[in-house]
Amino acid sequence: MSNDQLSEKHIRSVLNQSLIASGEKEKLLDLLKVKLIECGWRNEMKQLCREAIRSKNKSNINVEELIEELTPKARASVPDEVKKELLYRLRTFVDNHSDQFLSDS
């Protein structure tokens, strides 16, 4: 692993720890859940799951295979507005806690 990869991994770790300690991670996850329900994404994913299950032999359903098949579609279908709002909130969090990130580096 290069120094840049180690540094990025460290920064991600510090950010994750800070988000957890402050309770912000839970707030962001709650916001994400609400936004995905509001925009219909959750219902779309339920329908994709149903279709994938129907298209396969019902006796051979494997959760891991279903997740592997649907994850790329699910990630790609998250509306840009939802991504932008979460990114904005993360940036705001980092800006408001930048002294902590600089001292932990």
N, C-alpha and C. Protein backbone atom coordinates (compact mmCIF):
# COMPACT_ATOMS: atom_id res chain seq x y z
N MET A 1 0.84 -1.17 0.00
CA MET A 1 0.00 0.00 0.00
C MET A 1 0.89 1.24 0.00
N SER A 2 0.54 2.23 -0.83
CA SER A 2 1.32 3.46 -0.89
C SER A 2 0.98 4.36 0.30
N ASN A 3 1.82 5.37 0.50
CA ASN A 3 1.56 6.32 1.59
C ASN A 3 0.24 7.04 1.40
N ASP A 4 -0.09 7.37 0.12
CA ASP A 4 -1.37 8.03 -0.15
C ASP A 4 -2.54 7.14 0.23
N GLN A 5 -2.45 5.85 -0.08
CA GLN A 5 -3.53 4.91 0.27
C GLN A 5 -3.65 4.77 1.78
N LEU A 6 -2.51 4.71 2.47
CA LEU A 6 -2.53 4.62 3.93
C LEU A 6 -3.12 5.89 4.53
N SER A 7 -2.74 7.04 3.98
CA SER A 7 -3.26 8.31 4.48
C SER A 7 -4.77 8.40 4.26
N GLU A 8 -5.23 8.00 3.09
CA GLU A 8 -6.66 8.02 2.81
C GLU A 8 -7.40 7.07 3.74
N LYS A 9 -6.84 5.91 3.96
CA LYS A 9 -7.45 4.93 4.87
C LYS A 9 -7.52 5.50 6.28
N HIS A 10 -6.45 6.17 6.72
CA HIS A 10 -6.43 6.78 8.05
C HIS A 10 -7.49 7.89 8.16
N ILE A 11 -7.57 8.72 7.13
CA ILE A 11 -8.54 9.82 7.14
C ILE A 11 -9.97 9.27 7.19
N ARG A 12 -10.23 8.23 6.40
CA ARG A 12 -11.56 7.61 6.42
C ARG A 12 -11.87 7.04 7.81
N SER A 13 -10.87 6.44 8.42
CA SER A 13 -11.05 5.86 9.75
C SER A 13 -11.35 6.94 10.78
N VAL A 14 -10.59 8.02 10.75
CA VAL A 14 -10.81 9.13 11.69
C VAL A 14 -12.18 9.76 11.47
N LEU A 15 -12.53 9.94 10.20
CA LEU A 15 -13.84 10.51 9.88
C LEU A 15 -14.96 9.61 10.40
N ASN A 16 -14.85 8.32 10.15
CA ASN A 16 -15.86 7.38 10.61
C ASN A 16 -15.98 7.39 12.13
N GLN A 17 -14.85 7.40 12.81
CA GLN A 17 -14.87 7.43 14.28
C GLN A 17 -15.51 8.71 14.79
N SER A 18 -15.22 9.83 14.14
CA SER A 18 -15.79 11.11 14.54
C SER A 18 -17.29 11.15 14.29
N LEU A 19 -17.71 10.61 13.15
CA LEU A 19 -19.13 10.56 12.84
C LEU A 19 -19.88 9.72 13.87
N ILE A 20 -19.31 8.59 14.24
CA ILE A 20 -19.93 7.70 15.23
C ILE A 20 -19.98 8.37 16.60
N ALA A 21 -18.84 8.92 17.03
CA ALA A 21 -18.75 9.53 18.37
C ALA A 21 -19.71 10.70 18.54
N SER A 22 -19.91 11.45 17.47
CA SER A 22 -20.77 12.64 17.56
C SER A 22 -22.25 12.31 17.37
N GLY A 23 -22.53 11.10 16.91
CA GLY A 23 -23.91 10.73 16.62
C GLY A 23 -24.34 11.16 15.22
N GLU A 24 -23.46 11.79 14.49
CA GLU A 24 -23.79 12.28 13.16
C GLU A 24 -23.99 11.14 12.16
N LYS A 25 -23.27 10.04 12.33
CA LYS A 25 -23.43 8.93 11.40
C LYS A 25 -24.86 8.39 11.46
N GLU A 26 -25.39 8.24 12.64
CA GLU A 26 -26.76 7.76 12.80
C GLU A 26 -27.75 8.74 12.16
N LYS A 27 -27.51 10.04 12.33
CA LYS A 27 -28.38 11.05 11.73
C LYS A 27 -28.32 10.98 10.21
N LEU A 28 -27.12 10.79 9.66
CA LEU A 28 -26.98 10.69 8.21
C LEU A 28 -27.66 9.43 7.67
N LEU A 29 -27.52 8.33 8.38
CA LEU A 29 -28.18 7.10 7.96
C LEU A 29 -29.70 7.24 8.01
N ASP A 30 -30.21 7.91 9.05
CA ASP A 30 -31.65 8.15 9.15
C ASP A 30 -32.12 9.04 8.00
N LEU A 31 -31.36 10.09 7.71
CA LEU A 31 -31.70 10.99 6.61
C LEU A 31 -31.71 10.23 5.28
N LEU A 32 -30.70 9.41 5.07
CA LEU A 32 -30.62 8.62 3.85
C LEU A 32 -31.85 7.72 3.71
N LYS A 33 -32.20 7.05 4.77
CA LYS A 33 -33.37 6.15 4.75
C LYS A 33 -34.63 6.92 4.37
N VAL A 34 -34.84 8.07 4.99
CA VAL A 34 -36.04 8.87 4.73
C VAL A 34 -36.04 9.35 3.27
N LYS A 35 -34.91 9.85 2.80
CA LYS A 35 -34.83 10.36 1.42
C LYS A 35 -35.06 9.26 0.40
N LEU A 36 -34.52 8.08 0.66
CA LEU A 36 -34.69 6.98 -0.29
C LEU A 36 -36.14 6.48 -0.31
N ILE A 37 -36.80 6.53 0.82
CA ILE A 37 -38.22 6.16 0.86
C ILE A 37 -39.04 7.22 0.13
N GLU A 38 -38.76 8.50 0.42
CA GLU A 38 -39.51 9.61 -0.18
C GLU A 38 -39.45 9.60 -1.71
N CYS A 39 -38.29 9.29 -2.26
CA CYS A 39 -38.13 9.34 -3.72
C CYS A 39 -38.55 8.05 -4.40
N GLY A 40 -38.96 7.04 -3.64
CA GLY A 40 -39.43 5.81 -4.22
C GLY A 40 -38.34 4.78 -4.50
N TRP A 41 -37.12 5.09 -4.14
CA TRP A 41 -35.99 4.19 -4.40
C TRP A 41 -36.19 2.85 -3.69
N ARG A 42 -36.64 2.90 -2.47
CA ARG A 42 -36.81 1.66 -1.69
C ARG A 42 -37.82 0.74 -2.36
N ASN A 43 -38.93 1.29 -2.82
CA ASN A 43 -39.93 0.48 -3.51
C ASN A 43 -39.38 -0.08 -4.82
N GLU A 44 -38.58 0.72 -5.52
CA GLU A 44 -37.94 0.24 -6.75
C GLU A 44 -37.04 -0.96 -6.45
N MET A 45 -36.29 -0.88 -5.37
CA MET A 45 -35.39 -1.98 -5.01
C MET A 45 -36.18 -3.23 -4.61
N LYS A 46 -37.28 -3.04 -3.91
CA LYS A 46 -38.13 -4.19 -3.57
C LYS A 46 -38.61 -4.88 -4.84
N GLN A 47 -39.04 -4.07 -5.82
CA GLN A 47 -39.52 -4.62 -7.07
C GLN A 47 -38.40 -5.34 -7.82
N LEU A 48 -37.20 -4.76 -7.84
CA LEU A 48 -36.05 -5.42 -8.47
C LEU A 48 -35.76 -6.76 -7.82
N CYS A 49 -35.85 -6.81 -6.50
CA CYS A 49 -35.63 -8.07 -5.77
C CYS A 49 -36.67 -9.10 -6.16
N ARG A 50 -37.90 -8.67 -6.19
CA ARG A 50 -38.97 -9.61 -6.57
C ARG A 50 -38.75 -10.15 -7.98
N GLU A 51 -38.40 -9.27 -8.91
CA GLU A 51 -38.17 -9.70 -10.29
C GLU A 51 -36.98 -10.65 -10.38
N ALA A 52 -35.91 -10.35 -9.65
CA ALA A 52 -34.73 -11.21 -9.67
C ALA A 52 -35.06 -12.59 -9.10
N ILE A 53 -35.85 -12.61 -8.04
CA ILE A 53 -36.23 -13.88 -7.42
C ILE A 53 -37.11 -14.69 -8.37
N ARG A 54 -38.06 -14.02 -9.02
CA ARG A 54 -38.94 -14.71 -9.98
C ARG A 54 -38.18 -15.26 -11.16
N SER A 55 -37.15 -14.53 -11.60
CA SER A 55 -36.40 -14.95 -12.79
C SER A 55 -35.48 -16.13 -12.51
N LYS A 56 -35.22 -16.37 -11.24
CA LYS A 56 -34.37 -17.51 -10.85
C LYS A 56 -35.27 -18.63 -10.34
N ASN A 57 -34.73 -19.80 -10.31
CA ASN A 57 -35.46 -20.94 -9.76
C ASN A 57 -35.65 -20.69 -8.27
N LYS A 58 -36.89 -20.64 -7.82
CA LYS A 58 -37.19 -20.30 -6.43
C LYS A 58 -36.50 -21.20 -5.42
N SER A 59 -36.17 -22.41 -5.79
CA SER A 59 -35.50 -23.30 -4.84
C SER A 59 -34.00 -23.00 -4.74
N ASN A 60 -33.49 -22.17 -5.64
CA ASN A 60 -32.06 -21.87 -5.65
C ASN A 60 -31.76 -20.42 -5.28
N ILE A 61 -32.61 -19.80 -4.50
CA ILE A 61 -32.40 -18.42 -4.11
C ILE A 61 -31.27 -18.35 -3.10
N ASN A 62 -30.31 -17.50 -3.36
CA ASN A 62 -29.17 -17.31 -2.49
C ASN A 62 -29.06 -15.81 -2.22
N VAL A 63 -29.15 -15.41 -0.97
CA VAL A 63 -29.14 -14.00 -0.60
C VAL A 63 -27.87 -13.31 -1.09
N GLU A 64 -26.72 -13.97 -0.94
CA GLU A 64 -25.46 -13.37 -1.36
C GLU A 64 -25.45 -13.08 -2.86
N GLU A 65 -25.98 -14.02 -3.65
CA GLU A 65 -26.05 -13.82 -5.10
C GLU A 65 -27.00 -12.68 -5.45
N LEU A 66 -28.10 -12.61 -4.74
CA LEU A 66 -29.07 -11.54 -4.96
C LEU A 66 -28.44 -10.18 -4.65
N ILE A 67 -27.73 -10.11 -3.54
CA ILE A 67 -27.05 -8.86 -3.17
C ILE A 67 -26.00 -8.50 -4.21
N GLU A 68 -25.22 -9.48 -4.63
CA GLU A 68 -24.17 -9.24 -5.62
C GLU A 68 -24.76 -8.74 -6.94
N GLU A 69 -25.88 -9.31 -7.33
CA GLU A 69 -26.52 -8.92 -8.58
C GLU A 69 -27.14 -7.52 -8.51
N LEU A 70 -27.76 -7.19 -7.39
CA LEU A 70 -28.53 -5.96 -7.30
C LEU A 70 -27.76 -4.75 -6.78
N THR A 71 -26.66 -4.97 -6.07
CA THR A 71 -25.93 -3.84 -5.48
C THR A 71 -25.49 -2.80 -6.51
N PRO A 72 -24.90 -3.20 -7.64
CA PRO A 72 -24.52 -2.17 -8.62
C PRO A 72 -25.72 -1.36 -9.13
N LYS A 73 -26.83 -2.03 -9.38
CA LYS A 73 -28.05 -1.34 -9.83
C LYS A 73 -28.57 -0.41 -8.75
N ALA A 74 -28.54 -0.88 -7.52
CA ALA A 74 -29.05 -0.09 -6.40
C ALA A 74 -28.21 1.18 -6.21
N ARG A 75 -26.91 1.02 -6.23
CA ARG A 75 -26.03 2.19 -6.05
C ARG A 75 -26.19 3.18 -7.19
N ALA A 76 -26.28 2.67 -8.40
CA ALA A 76 -26.39 3.54 -9.57
C ALA A 76 -27.72 4.28 -9.61
N SER A 77 -28.74 3.73 -8.97
CA SER A 77 -30.06 4.34 -9.05
C SER A 77 -30.38 5.31 -7.90
N VAL A 78 -29.45 5.51 -6.99
CA VAL A 78 -29.66 6.51 -5.93
C VAL A 78 -29.69 7.88 -6.61
N PRO A 79 -30.76 8.64 -6.42
CA PRO A 79 -30.88 9.94 -7.08
C PRO A 79 -29.72 10.88 -6.73
N ASP A 80 -29.29 11.65 -7.72
CA ASP A 80 -28.19 12.59 -7.52
C ASP A 80 -28.48 13.58 -6.40
N GLU A 81 -29.72 14.00 -6.27
CA GLU A 81 -30.06 14.96 -5.21
C GLU A 81 -29.80 14.37 -3.82
N VAL A 82 -30.07 13.11 -3.66
CA VAL A 82 -29.82 12.44 -2.37
C VAL A 82 -28.31 12.39 -2.12
N LYS A 83 -27.55 12.02 -3.14
CA LYS A 83 -26.09 11.97 -3.00
C LYS A 83 -25.54 13.36 -2.67
N LYS A 84 -26.04 14.38 -3.37
CA LYS A 84 -25.56 15.75 -3.15
C LYS A 84 -25.84 16.22 -1.73
N GLU A 85 -27.03 15.91 -1.23
CA GLU A 85 -27.38 16.34 0.13
C GLU A 85 -26.49 15.66 1.17
N LEU A 86 -26.26 14.37 1.00
CA LEU A 86 -25.39 13.66 1.95
C LEU A 86 -23.96 14.17 1.86
N LEU A 87 -23.47 14.40 0.66
CA LEU A 87 -22.12 14.92 0.49
C LEU A 87 -21.99 16.31 1.12
N TYR A 88 -23.01 17.14 0.94
CA TYR A 88 -23.01 18.47 1.55
C TYR A 88 -22.93 18.36 3.07
N ARG A 89 -23.73 17.46 3.64
CA ARG A 89 -23.73 17.29 5.10
C ARG A 89 -22.40 16.74 5.61
N LEU A 90 -21.79 15.84 4.85
CA LEU A 90 -20.46 15.32 5.23
C LEU A 90 -19.42 16.43 5.17
N ARG A 91 -19.45 17.21 4.11
CA ARG A 91 -18.48 18.32 3.99
C ARG A 91 -18.66 19.33 5.12
N THR A 92 -19.89 19.62 5.45
CA THR A 92 -20.17 20.54 6.55
C THR A 92 -19.62 19.98 7.86
N PHE A 93 -19.83 18.71 8.08
CA PHE A 93 -19.31 18.05 9.29
C PHE A 93 -17.79 18.16 9.33
N VAL A 94 -17.14 17.85 8.22
CA VAL A 94 -15.67 17.91 8.17
C VAL A 94 -15.20 19.35 8.41
N ASP A 95 -15.85 20.32 7.77
CA ASP A 95 -15.48 21.73 7.96
C ASP A 95 -15.60 22.14 9.43
N ASN A 96 -16.67 21.69 10.07
CA ASN A 96 -16.91 22.06 11.47
C ASN A 96 -16.02 21.32 12.45
N HIS A 97 -15.40 20.23 12.00
CA HIS A 97 -14.54 19.42 12.87
C HIS A 97 -13.12 19.30 12.32
N SER A 98 -12.73 20.21 11.45
CA SER A 98 -11.43 20.10 10.79
C SER A 98 -10.27 20.12 11.78
N ASP A 99 -10.42 20.81 12.90
CA ASP A 99 -9.35 20.83 13.90
C ASP A 99 -9.10 19.42 14.45
N GLN A 100 -10.14 18.63 14.58
CA GLN A 100 -10.00 17.26 15.07
C GLN A 100 -9.27 16.39 14.05
N PHE A 101 -9.57 16.58 12.78
CA PHE A 101 -8.92 15.78 11.74
C PHE A 101 -7.44 16.14 11.63
N LEU A 102 -7.14 17.41 11.77
CA LEU A 102 -5.75 17.85 11.66
C LEU A 102 -4.93 17.36 12.86
N SER A 103 -5.54 17.32 14.03
CA SER A 103 -4.80 16.88 15.21
C SER A 103 -4.63 15.37 15.26
N ASP A 104 -5.55 14.61 14.59
CA ASP A 104 -5.48 13.15 14.60
C ASP A 104 -4.60 12.59 13.48
N SER A 105 -4.22 13.41 12.56
CA SER A 105 -3.44 12.92 11.40
C SER A 105 -2.02 12.62 11.75
